[in-house]
């Protein structure tokens, strides 16, 4: 599910049938353009929070959110292992998208914006189209109840600089990019492959990708200069992306935003982020097996390995699976042996070792296949 149309497909596939029976269905609105950025989301008047709104929020949560975020909000729902990036853990209250300072909690309005808008390129759909505003406000109350951090005083809202009258200059922005050493993570070309990119981890120790600036659709909260500057000001809690508040003038911030936005373009066709995860600490492969997807089937669909043998699977595809690509995972080992979103011309590999003889199922692990979209994409691994 990041070209991850599959994220929304997966989340909506879960959400649509469940929302039928709860509450008043939100009126579906159509837009000819992209959804509004985070700061542009309309925030209606908030109903007073109460035990009743928390109870209502819990019911909405159990009907729509538990599949990804888990029964206690820890980001451990049954769909979580298949989501890239993983669902938010509400118990830690580490929120990326805010109008508050670095390390601070989000405001209630920030939470409402995130729920309503969703996040581009992730499994979080725009609930604005699925739930009425009363249910979205009730979710705000319930989500806050999942972390004791929200017992603290309300955070202060940052003043996000408005664009200066002088037009932003991307050439000046490039100098700011160099001064702040953004290329260490995002790369000289902005594609998220800087020298530090492979070492980046979140607050839980999981690897995180640095933003690929060449792909506007990967900007989680919208591709506007004001929104990018908001991120410069707030940083992203729980990730290596720091706040640059006070380190740039408003003009420098908007120049840098202009440079970041100038990096987007058609490119060479391989900007879409790929993801694979190999079993750690198994050493170099003793055998390499080539598997391809053809007509949404594996070729070959049966592979044989020896117990204790270190095996590398090289996986390629012949189509892009509804824009989401195809994947590979081994049942029972699918959190340590995992490919998501392999695309035509962009094969991926995983390395693993299984010490117990037996028959194991392998299947397509790209998110939209967690229901029945890729029903024939499974095979058998025989460990002898």
Protein backbone atom coordinates (compact mmCIF):
# COMPACT_ATOMS: atom_id res chain seq x y z
CA UNK A 1 0.00 0.00 0.00
CA UNK A 2 3.16 4.10 -1.33
CA UNK A 3 2.85 4.69 -5.94
CA UNK A 4 0.81 3.36 -3.12
CA UNK A 5 -2.74 3.40 -4.25
CA UNK A 6 -3.02 0.12 -2.36
CA UNK A 7 -2.90 1.87 1.01
CA UNK A 8 -6.17 3.60 0.40
CA UNK A 9 -7.61 0.54 -1.31
CA UNK A 10 -6.83 -1.60 1.73
CA UNK A 11 -8.17 0.88 4.25
CA UNK A 12 -11.28 1.65 2.28
CA UNK A 13 -11.95 -2.01 1.62
CA UNK A 14 -12.11 -2.47 5.39
CA UNK A 15 -13.88 0.78 6.15
CA UNK A 16 -16.70 0.85 3.64
CA UNK A 17 -18.60 -2.25 4.77
CA UNK A 18 -18.15 -1.38 8.43
CA UNK A 19 -19.37 2.19 8.23
CA UNK A 20 -22.69 1.09 6.76
CA UNK A 21 -24.21 0.23 10.10
CA UNK A 22 -22.91 2.96 12.37
CA UNK A 23 -24.10 6.51 12.69
CA UNK A 24 -25.26 8.80 9.96
CA UNK A 25 -23.32 8.22 6.78
CA UNK A 26 -21.38 11.28 5.70
CA UNK A 27 -22.47 12.86 2.47
CA UNK A 28 -19.97 11.92 -0.23
CA UNK A 29 -18.51 14.97 -1.91
CA UNK A 30 -16.52 15.01 -5.08
CA UNK A 31 -13.56 17.21 -5.87
CA UNK A 32 -12.02 17.92 -9.21
CA UNK A 33 -8.66 18.64 -7.59
CA UNK A 34 -6.44 17.13 -4.91
CA UNK A 35 -7.70 17.12 -1.32
CA UNK A 36 -6.94 20.24 0.69
CA UNK A 37 -3.67 20.40 2.54
CA UNK A 38 -3.61 19.83 6.29
CA UNK A 39 -3.81 23.55 7.06
CA UNK A 40 -6.66 24.03 4.59
CA UNK A 41 -8.96 21.44 6.16
CA UNK A 42 -12.15 23.09 7.38
CA UNK A 43 -12.58 22.60 11.12
CA UNK A 44 -16.19 23.02 12.29
CA UNK A 45 -17.19 24.02 15.78
CA UNK A 46 -16.25 21.39 18.35
CA UNK A 47 -19.01 19.82 20.49
CA UNK A 48 -18.17 19.83 24.21
CA UNK A 49 -16.23 16.65 25.10
CA UNK A 50 -17.89 14.34 27.60
CA UNK A 51 -18.10 10.73 28.69
CA UNK A 52 -20.82 10.31 26.07
CA UNK A 53 -18.64 11.60 23.22
CA UNK A 54 -15.79 9.34 24.32
CA UNK A 55 -18.16 6.35 24.33
CA UNK A 56 -19.41 7.31 20.89
CA UNK A 57 -15.83 7.68 19.70
CA UNK A 58 -14.97 4.23 20.99
CA UNK A 59 -17.90 2.72 19.06
CA UNK A 60 -16.80 4.50 15.88
CA UNK A 61 -13.22 3.37 16.51
CA UNK A 62 -14.18 -0.28 16.95
CA UNK A 63 -16.24 -0.15 13.77
CA UNK A 64 -13.64 1.54 11.59
CA UNK A 65 -10.16 1.93 13.11
CA UNK A 66 -9.33 -1.15 15.15
CA UNK A 67 -8.28 -3.17 12.09
CA UNK A 68 -5.15 -1.06 11.71
CA UNK A 69 -4.63 0.75 15.01
CA UNK A 70 -5.45 -2.22 17.26
CA UNK A 71 -7.92 -2.78 20.11
CA UNK A 72 -6.01 -0.53 22.52
CA UNK A 73 -4.71 1.97 19.99
CA UNK A 74 -1.13 0.69 20.00
CA UNK A 75 -0.90 0.47 16.20
CA UNK A 76 -1.02 -3.33 16.29
CA UNK A 77 -4.22 -4.22 14.43
CA UNK A 78 -4.31 -7.31 12.23
CA UNK A 79 -3.57 -5.19 9.17
CA UNK A 80 -0.61 -3.38 10.75
CA UNK A 81 2.18 -5.74 9.56
CA UNK A 82 1.17 -5.06 5.97
CA UNK A 83 1.07 -1.28 6.17
CA UNK A 84 3.98 0.90 5.11
CA UNK A 85 4.33 3.17 7.01
CA UNK A 86 2.82 1.46 10.08
CA UNK A 87 -0.35 2.80 11.71
CA UNK A 88 -0.07 5.46 14.41
CA UNK A 89 0.39 4.22 17.98
CA UNK A 90 -2.07 6.39 19.89
CA UNK A 91 -0.78 5.24 23.30
CA UNK A 92 2.53 7.08 22.87
CA UNK A 93 0.90 10.25 21.49
CA UNK A 94 3.78 10.86 19.08
CA UNK A 95 2.03 12.77 16.32
CA UNK A 96 3.77 13.98 13.17
CA UNK A 97 1.16 16.38 11.84
CA UNK A 98 0.56 19.34 14.10
CA UNK A 99 0.49 23.10 14.42
CA UNK A 100 2.42 22.89 17.70
CA UNK A 101 6.10 22.92 18.56
CA UNK A 102 8.52 20.03 18.37
CA UNK A 103 7.79 17.37 20.98
CA UNK A 104 4.41 18.92 21.76
CA UNK A 105 1.02 17.23 21.57
CA UNK A 106 -1.28 18.14 18.69
CA UNK A 107 -4.29 20.36 19.24
CA UNK A 108 -7.80 18.93 19.06
CA UNK A 109 -8.13 20.71 15.71
CA UNK A 110 -4.95 19.00 14.49
CA UNK A 111 -6.38 15.58 15.35
CA UNK A 112 -9.64 16.46 13.59
CA UNK A 113 -7.68 17.54 10.50
CA UNK A 114 -5.70 14.29 10.43
CA UNK A 115 -8.81 12.14 10.81
CA UNK A 116 -10.73 14.12 8.22
CA UNK A 117 -8.01 14.41 5.60
CA UNK A 118 -6.09 11.18 6.00
CA UNK A 119 -2.45 10.98 4.92
CA UNK A 120 -1.26 10.70 1.33
CA UNK A 121 0.55 7.48 0.44
CA UNK A 122 -0.48 5.63 3.61
CA UNK A 123 -3.30 3.39 4.79
CA UNK A 124 -5.03 6.32 6.50
CA UNK A 125 -8.06 7.29 4.37
CA UNK A 126 -9.87 10.64 4.38
CA UNK A 127 -12.66 9.97 6.86
CA UNK A 128 -14.28 13.23 5.80
CA UNK A 129 -15.93 11.20 3.05
CA UNK A 130 -16.96 8.34 5.32
CA UNK A 131 -18.00 9.74 8.69
CA UNK A 132 -20.08 12.75 9.75
CA UNK A 133 -18.27 15.48 11.64
CA UNK A 134 -19.87 14.45 14.95
CA UNK A 135 -18.25 11.03 14.67
CA UNK A 136 -14.90 12.56 13.73
CA UNK A 137 -14.99 14.83 16.79
CA UNK A 138 -15.97 11.82 18.91
CA UNK A 139 -12.92 10.00 17.56
CA UNK A 140 -10.77 12.93 18.67
CA UNK A 141 -12.11 12.53 22.22
CA UNK A 142 -11.59 8.77 22.22
CA UNK A 143 -8.08 8.88 20.72
CA UNK A 144 -7.04 11.37 23.38
CA UNK A 145 -8.30 8.99 26.07
CA UNK A 146 -5.79 6.36 24.91
CA UNK A 147 -2.75 8.27 26.19
CA UNK A 148 -2.23 9.88 29.63
CA UNK A 149 -0.13 12.55 27.92
CA UNK A 150 -3.33 14.35 26.99
CA UNK A 151 -3.98 15.00 30.69
CA UNK A 152 -1.41 17.80 30.44
CA UNK A 153 -2.38 21.40 29.61
CA UNK A 154 -3.34 22.18 26.04
CA UNK A 155 -0.32 22.94 23.82
CA UNK A 156 0.38 26.33 22.31
CA UNK A 157 -0.20 26.79 18.58
CA UNK A 158 2.79 27.94 16.53
CA UNK A 159 2.45 30.90 14.22
CA UNK A 160 3.26 29.42 10.81
CA UNK A 161 4.89 32.14 8.70
CA UNK A 162 2.89 33.43 5.77
CA UNK A 163 4.59 33.69 2.40
CA UNK A 164 6.54 36.95 2.08
CA UNK A 165 5.50 39.45 -0.56
CA UNK A 166 8.72 38.83 -2.46
CA UNK A 167 8.30 35.71 -4.64
CA UNK A 168 10.15 32.63 -3.41
CA UNK A 169 13.36 31.79 -5.23
CA UNK A 170 14.28 28.12 -5.67
CA UNK A 171 17.92 28.99 -6.50
CA UNK A 172 18.25 30.67 -3.12
CA UNK A 173 16.41 27.71 -1.64
CA UNK A 174 19.06 25.37 -2.95
CA UNK A 175 21.67 27.27 -0.95
CA UNK A 176 19.52 26.83 2.16
CA UNK A 177 19.19 23.10 1.35
CA UNK A 178 23.00 22.89 1.31
CA UNK A 179 23.45 25.00 4.44
CA UNK A 180 21.07 22.86 6.48
CA UNK A 181 22.63 19.66 5.07
CA UNK A 182 19.27 18.30 3.93
CA UNK A 183 21.08 16.05 1.43
CA UNK A 184 22.36 13.85 4.27
CA UNK A 185 18.92 12.26 4.44
CA UNK A 186 17.11 13.39 1.31
CA UNK A 187 20.02 13.12 -1.11
CA UNK A 188 21.56 15.63 -3.48
CA UNK A 189 18.76 14.95 -5.96
CA UNK A 190 16.01 14.99 -3.30
CA UNK A 191 14.97 11.39 -3.85
CA UNK A 192 15.37 10.33 -0.25
CA UNK A 193 18.54 8.31 -0.75
CA UNK A 194 21.11 10.39 1.11
CA UNK A 195 24.08 8.79 2.90
CA UNK A 196 22.16 8.65 6.21
CA UNK A 197 18.90 7.37 4.71
CA UNK A 198 19.42 3.70 5.55
CA UNK A 199 20.19 4.46 9.20
CA UNK A 200 17.02 6.41 9.97
CA UNK A 201 14.70 4.97 12.62
CA UNK A 202 11.59 6.15 14.42
CA UNK A 203 11.00 6.33 18.18
CA UNK A 204 10.28 2.58 18.23
CA UNK A 205 13.46 1.67 16.40
CA UNK A 206 11.78 0.88 13.07
CA UNK A 207 13.36 2.05 9.84
CA UNK A 208 11.76 5.10 8.28
CA UNK A 209 12.21 6.46 4.78
CA UNK A 210 13.26 10.03 4.22
CA UNK A 211 10.86 11.94 1.99
CA UNK A 212 11.28 11.54 -1.77
CA UNK A 213 10.84 15.12 -2.97
CA UNK A 214 10.53 14.07 -6.61
CA UNK A 215 7.16 12.45 -5.91
CA UNK A 216 4.56 15.08 -4.89
CA UNK A 217 2.08 12.34 -3.96
CA UNK A 218 4.38 11.19 -1.16
CA UNK A 219 3.93 14.44 0.79
CA UNK A 220 1.64 13.14 3.52
CA UNK A 221 -0.28 16.33 4.27
CA UNK A 222 -0.28 18.09 0.93
CA UNK A 223 2.05 19.60 -1.63
CA UNK A 224 1.87 23.34 -0.97
CA UNK A 225 4.55 25.79 0.11
CA UNK A 226 2.62 26.75 3.25
CA UNK A 227 2.25 23.10 4.23
CA UNK A 228 5.94 22.37 3.65
CA UNK A 229 6.87 25.39 5.77
CA UNK A 230 4.57 24.10 8.52
CA UNK A 231 6.65 20.91 8.57
CA UNK A 232 9.87 22.94 8.77
CA UNK A 233 8.43 24.69 11.82
CA UNK A 234 6.97 21.71 13.68
CA UNK A 235 9.21 18.84 12.67
CA UNK A 236 7.76 15.34 12.86
CA UNK A 237 7.56 13.91 16.36
CA UNK A 238 8.85 10.37 16.69
CA UNK A 239 10.98 10.59 13.53
CA UNK A 240 14.43 11.96 12.66
CA UNK A 241 12.84 15.01 10.96
CA UNK A 242 13.62 17.90 13.34
CA UNK A 243 12.04 21.30 13.71
CA UNK A 244 13.88 24.16 12.03
CA UNK A 245 11.86 26.80 13.85
CA UNK A 246 14.05 29.84 14.47
CA UNK A 247 16.84 28.59 12.20
CA UNK A 248 15.50 30.22 9.03
CA UNK A 249 13.85 33.48 8.19
CA UNK A 250 10.38 33.24 6.60
CA UNK A 251 11.95 34.12 3.26
CA UNK A 252 14.49 31.32 3.61
CA UNK A 253 11.74 28.87 4.55
CA UNK A 254 9.71 29.69 1.48
CA UNK A 255 12.80 29.69 -0.73
CA UNK A 256 13.63 26.23 0.58
CA UNK A 257 10.03 25.10 0.02
CA UNK A 258 10.25 26.41 -3.55
CA UNK A 259 13.45 24.42 -4.10
CA UNK A 260 11.92 21.26 -2.65
CA UNK A 261 8.89 21.63 -4.91
CA UNK A 262 11.13 22.28 -7.93
CA UNK A 263 12.56 18.77 -7.58
CA UNK A 264 9.28 17.14 -8.58
CA UNK A 265 8.98 15.94 -12.14
CA UNK A 266 8.51 12.92 -14.36
CA UNK A 267 12.04 11.69 -13.66
CA UNK A 268 13.24 8.30 -14.86
CA UNK A 269 10.21 6.32 -13.76
CA UNK A 270 11.67 4.77 -10.62
CA UNK A 271 10.86 7.38 -8.00
CA UNK A 272 8.21 5.28 -6.28
CA UNK A 273 9.47 3.95 -2.99
CA UNK A 274 9.97 0.21 -2.82
CA UNK A 275 10.08 -1.83 0.37
CA UNK A 276 11.58 -5.17 1.31
CA UNK A 277 12.61 -6.67 4.59
CA UNK A 278 15.02 -9.56 4.99
CA UNK A 279 15.55 -11.82 7.98
CA UNK A 280 18.30 -10.18 10.07
CA UNK A 281 21.72 -11.66 10.78
CA UNK A 282 21.51 -14.67 8.47
CA UNK A 283 24.62 -13.91 6.42
CA UNK A 284 25.22 -14.16 2.71
CA UNK A 285 22.86 -16.32 0.62
CA UNK A 286 23.88 -19.86 -0.24
CA UNK A 287 21.20 -20.11 -2.91
CA UNK A 288 19.46 -17.55 -5.10
CA UNK A 289 15.98 -18.36 -6.43
CA UNK A 290 14.34 -16.23 -9.10
CA UNK A 291 10.56 -15.84 -8.93
CA UNK A 292 8.38 -13.66 -11.12
CA UNK A 293 4.76 -12.60 -11.10
CA UNK A 294 2.90 -13.25 -14.35
CA UNK A 295 -0.87 -12.79 -14.73
CA UNK A 296 -1.09 -12.42 -10.92
CA UNK A 297 0.46 -15.82 -10.30
CA UNK A 298 3.90 -16.87 -9.11
CA UNK A 299 6.27 -18.59 -11.52
CA UNK A 300 7.33 -21.01 -10.14
CA UNK A 301 4.62 -21.56 -7.56
CA UNK A 302 6.58 -24.25 -5.71
CA UNK A 303 10.16 -23.90 -4.50
CA UNK A 304 12.38 -26.30 -2.55
CA UNK A 305 15.14 -25.36 -0.12
CA UNK A 306 17.15 -27.16 2.56
CA UNK A 307 16.65 -26.56 6.25
CA UNK A 308 19.13 -24.03 7.59
CA UNK A 309 20.05 -22.87 4.09
CA UNK A 310 20.35 -19.12 3.58
CA UNK A 311 18.17 -18.30 0.58
CA UNK A 312 17.70 -15.12 -1.38
CA UNK A 313 14.51 -14.61 -3.39
CA UNK A 314 14.84 -12.27 -6.37
CA UNK A 315 11.30 -11.22 -7.24
CA UNK A 316 10.18 -9.39 -10.39
CA UNK A 317 6.78 -8.55 -11.85
CA UNK A 318 5.20 -8.32 -15.28
CA UNK A 319 2.50 -5.86 -14.26
CA UNK A 320 1.98 -3.24 -11.55
CA UNK A 321 -1.05 -4.78 -9.80
CA UNK A 322 -3.56 -1.92 -10.01
CA UNK A 323 -0.75 0.55 -9.43
CA UNK A 324 0.31 -1.07 -6.16
CA UNK A 325 2.79 -3.61 -7.50
CA UNK A 326 3.11 -7.11 -6.08
CA UNK A 327 4.82 -8.61 -3.08
CA UNK A 328 6.12 -11.73 -1.39
CA UNK A 329 5.94 -13.03 2.18
CA UNK A 330 6.19 -16.42 3.88
CA UNK A 331 3.34 -17.36 6.19
CA UNK A 332 4.61 -17.46 9.75
CA UNK A 333 7.67 -15.38 8.86
CA UNK A 334 5.88 -12.48 7.22
CA UNK A 335 7.19 -9.82 9.60
CA UNK A 336 10.82 -10.72 8.92
CA UNK A 337 10.55 -11.85 5.26
CA UNK A 338 8.56 -9.28 3.36
CA UNK A 339 8.37 -7.57 -0.04
CA UNK A 340 5.86 -4.84 -0.69
CA UNK A 341 5.10 -3.14 -3.99
CA UNK A 342 7.62 -4.56 -6.44
CA UNK A 343 6.95 -2.85 -9.77
CA UNK A 344 7.76 -3.56 -13.41
CA UNK A 345 11.43 -2.78 -13.92
CA UNK A 346 12.03 -2.50 -10.16
CA UNK A 347 12.60 -6.03 -8.78
CA UNK A 348 13.16 -6.59 -5.08
CA UNK A 349 14.93 -9.25 -3.02
CA UNK A 350 14.69 -10.80 0.43
CA UNK A 351 17.02 -13.16 2.27
CA UNK A 352 15.93 -15.71 4.88
CA UNK A 353 16.71 -19.01 6.57
CA UNK A 354 14.22 -21.56 7.89
CA UNK A 355 15.49 -24.23 10.25
CA UNK A 356 12.34 -26.33 10.60
CA UNK A 357 11.44 -28.71 7.74
CA UNK A 358 7.90 -28.47 6.43
CA UNK A 359 5.58 -26.89 3.92
CA UNK A 360 5.08 -23.13 4.09
CA UNK A 361 2.74 -20.91 2.12
CA UNK A 362 4.09 -17.82 0.41
CA UNK A 363 1.77 -15.11 -0.81
CA UNK A 364 1.52 -11.57 -2.17
CA UNK A 365 2.15 -9.19 0.71
CA UNK A 366 1.31 -5.94 -1.08
CA UNK A 367 -1.40 -4.38 1.03
CA UNK A 368 -4.35 -4.57 -1.32
CA UNK A 369 -3.89 -8.35 -1.41
CA UNK A 370 -4.81 -8.76 2.25
CA UNK A 371 -8.39 -9.26 1.11
CA UNK A 372 -9.10 -11.05 -2.16
CA UNK A 373 -7.62 -8.83 -4.85
CA UNK A 374 -4.69 -11.17 -5.50
CA UNK A 375 -6.33 -14.52 -4.61
CA UNK A 376 -4.15 -16.63 -6.91
CA UNK A 377 -0.89 -15.16 -5.77
CA UNK A 378 0.26 -17.87 -3.42
CA UNK A 379 2.66 -20.74 -3.63
CA UNK A 380 4.38 -23.40 -1.57
CA UNK A 381 7.84 -23.33 -0.04
CA UNK A 382 9.07 -26.81 0.85
CA UNK A 383 11.87 -26.95 3.42
CA UNK A 384 13.55 -30.36 3.28
